[in-house]
Amino acid sequence: MMPDADQIAALRARLSAAGLGDTDLQWLEDLGWKDDAIPPIESERQRADYVRREAALNAATRHLTFAERAVTIESKLAAAIGARIANWDEAGDDDDGLDVP
């Protein structure tokens, strides 16, 4: 479910305060603020963008308790972005020069 306009405005303000710029906020907006819409990483530069976004999303919820964090849009997005980072990193680890049948 996409957040309503008031939720998006508050979310944008929190994430801006946490360090995300207009480009990052627009990227999240284009994804509908949905964690399941985070696309796979396709380059090292994109990975760096994901790392920056994940850090800011986590920073925006740092003041919350663990239980409160679990249900925020920010935490869900951070988890999805973190998973994409892990997938990229694991795919890079596959090229270790060893042939495994």
Protein backbone atom coordinates (compact mmCIF):
# COMPACT_ATOMS: atom_id res chain seq x y z
CA MET A 1 0.00 0.00 0.00
CA MET A 2 1.37 3.36 -1.01
CA PRO A 3 1.45 5.96 1.74
CA ASP A 4 -0.89 8.95 1.48
CA ALA A 5 0.30 12.48 0.69
CA ASP A 6 0.73 13.48 4.35
CA GLN A 7 2.76 10.35 5.11
CA ILE A 8 4.94 10.95 2.06
CA ALA A 9 5.57 14.57 3.07
CA ALA A 10 6.61 13.49 6.57
CA LEU A 11 8.71 10.66 5.16
CA ARG A 12 10.47 13.01 2.74
CA ALA A 13 11.20 15.45 5.58
CA ARG A 14 12.67 12.71 7.79
CA LEU A 15 14.81 11.32 5.00
CA SER A 16 15.98 14.75 3.92
CA ALA A 17 17.03 15.43 7.52
CA ALA A 18 18.84 12.06 7.50
CA GLY A 19 20.88 13.11 4.47
CA LEU A 20 19.02 12.00 1.36
CA GLY A 21 18.97 14.51 -1.47
CA ASP A 22 16.28 15.26 -4.01
CA THR A 23 17.60 12.67 -6.49
CA ASP A 24 17.38 9.89 -3.89
CA LEU A 25 13.95 11.02 -2.72
CA GLN A 26 12.69 11.09 -6.30
CA TRP A 27 14.09 7.57 -6.86
CA LEU A 28 12.10 6.31 -3.86
CA GLU A 29 9.04 8.24 -5.05
CA ASP A 30 9.33 6.66 -8.50
CA LEU A 31 9.33 3.23 -6.80
CA GLY A 32 6.12 4.12 -4.98
CA TRP A 33 7.92 3.88 -1.62
CA LYS A 34 7.57 0.08 -1.95
CA ASP A 35 10.25 -2.24 -0.65
CA ASP A 36 9.34 -4.90 -3.20
CA ALA A 37 10.02 -2.46 -6.04
CA ILE A 38 13.76 -2.05 -5.32
CA PRO A 39 15.52 -3.14 -8.52
CA PRO A 40 18.64 -5.29 -8.57
CA ILE A 41 22.00 -3.52 -8.64
CA GLU A 42 23.64 -3.36 -12.06
CA SER A 43 26.92 -1.52 -11.40
CA GLU A 44 29.42 -0.54 -8.72
CA ARG A 45 28.23 3.06 -8.94
CA GLN A 46 24.66 1.97 -8.35
CA ARG A 47 25.86 -0.13 -5.40
CA ALA A 48 27.39 3.01 -3.87
CA ASP A 49 24.03 4.79 -4.29
CA TYR A 50 22.29 1.89 -2.56
CA VAL A 51 24.76 1.92 0.34
CA ARG A 52 24.19 5.67 0.82
CA ARG A 53 20.42 5.27 0.70
CA GLU A 54 20.42 2.34 3.10
CA ALA A 55 22.52 4.30 5.60
CA ALA A 56 20.20 7.31 5.48
CA LEU A 57 17.09 5.15 5.80
CA ASN A 58 18.57 3.45 8.86
CA ALA A 59 19.63 6.80 10.33
CA ALA A 60 16.07 8.08 9.99
CA THR A 61 14.81 5.36 12.35
CA ARG A 62 17.75 5.16 14.73
CA HIS A 63 15.78 6.90 17.49
CA LEU A 64 13.00 4.29 17.42
CA THR A 65 12.78 1.08 19.40
CA PHE A 66 13.37 -2.20 17.59
CA ALA A 67 9.62 -2.93 17.55
CA GLU A 68 8.80 0.52 16.19
CA ARG A 69 11.51 0.27 13.55
CA ALA A 70 10.19 -3.02 12.23
CA VAL A 71 7.01 -1.45 10.87
CA THR A 72 8.34 1.76 9.32
CA ILE A 73 8.54 2.35 5.61
CA GLU A 74 12.13 3.48 6.09
CA SER A 75 13.17 0.19 7.69
CA LYS A 76 11.40 -1.90 5.09
CA LEU A 77 13.10 0.03 2.31
CA ALA A 78 16.49 -0.20 4.06
CA ALA A 79 16.09 -3.97 4.43
CA ALA A 80 15.20 -4.38 0.75
CA ILE A 81 18.11 -2.21 -0.34
CA GLY A 82 20.43 -4.13 2.00
CA ALA A 83 19.27 -7.38 0.44
CA ARG A 84 20.05 -6.05 -3.05
CA ILE A 85 23.52 -5.01 -1.84
CA ALA A 86 24.09 -8.50 -0.40
CA ASN A 87 22.91 -10.11 -3.65
CA TRP A 88 25.35 -7.95 -5.65
CA ASP A 89 28.22 -8.71 -3.29
CA GLU A 90 27.52 -12.44 -3.34
CA ALA A 91 27.34 -12.46 -7.13
CA GLY A 92 30.77 -10.81 -7.23
CA ASP A 93 32.15 -13.43 -4.88
CA ASP A 94 31.21 -16.16 -7.36
CA ASP A 95 34.06 -15.10 -9.63
CA ASP A 96 36.82 -16.49 -7.41
CA GLY A 97 38.63 -18.34 -10.17
CA LEU A 98 37.68 -21.78 -8.86
CA ASP A 99 35.74 -24.12 -11.08
CA VAL A 100 33.17 -25.96 -9.04
CA PRO A 101 31.19 -28.63 -10.91
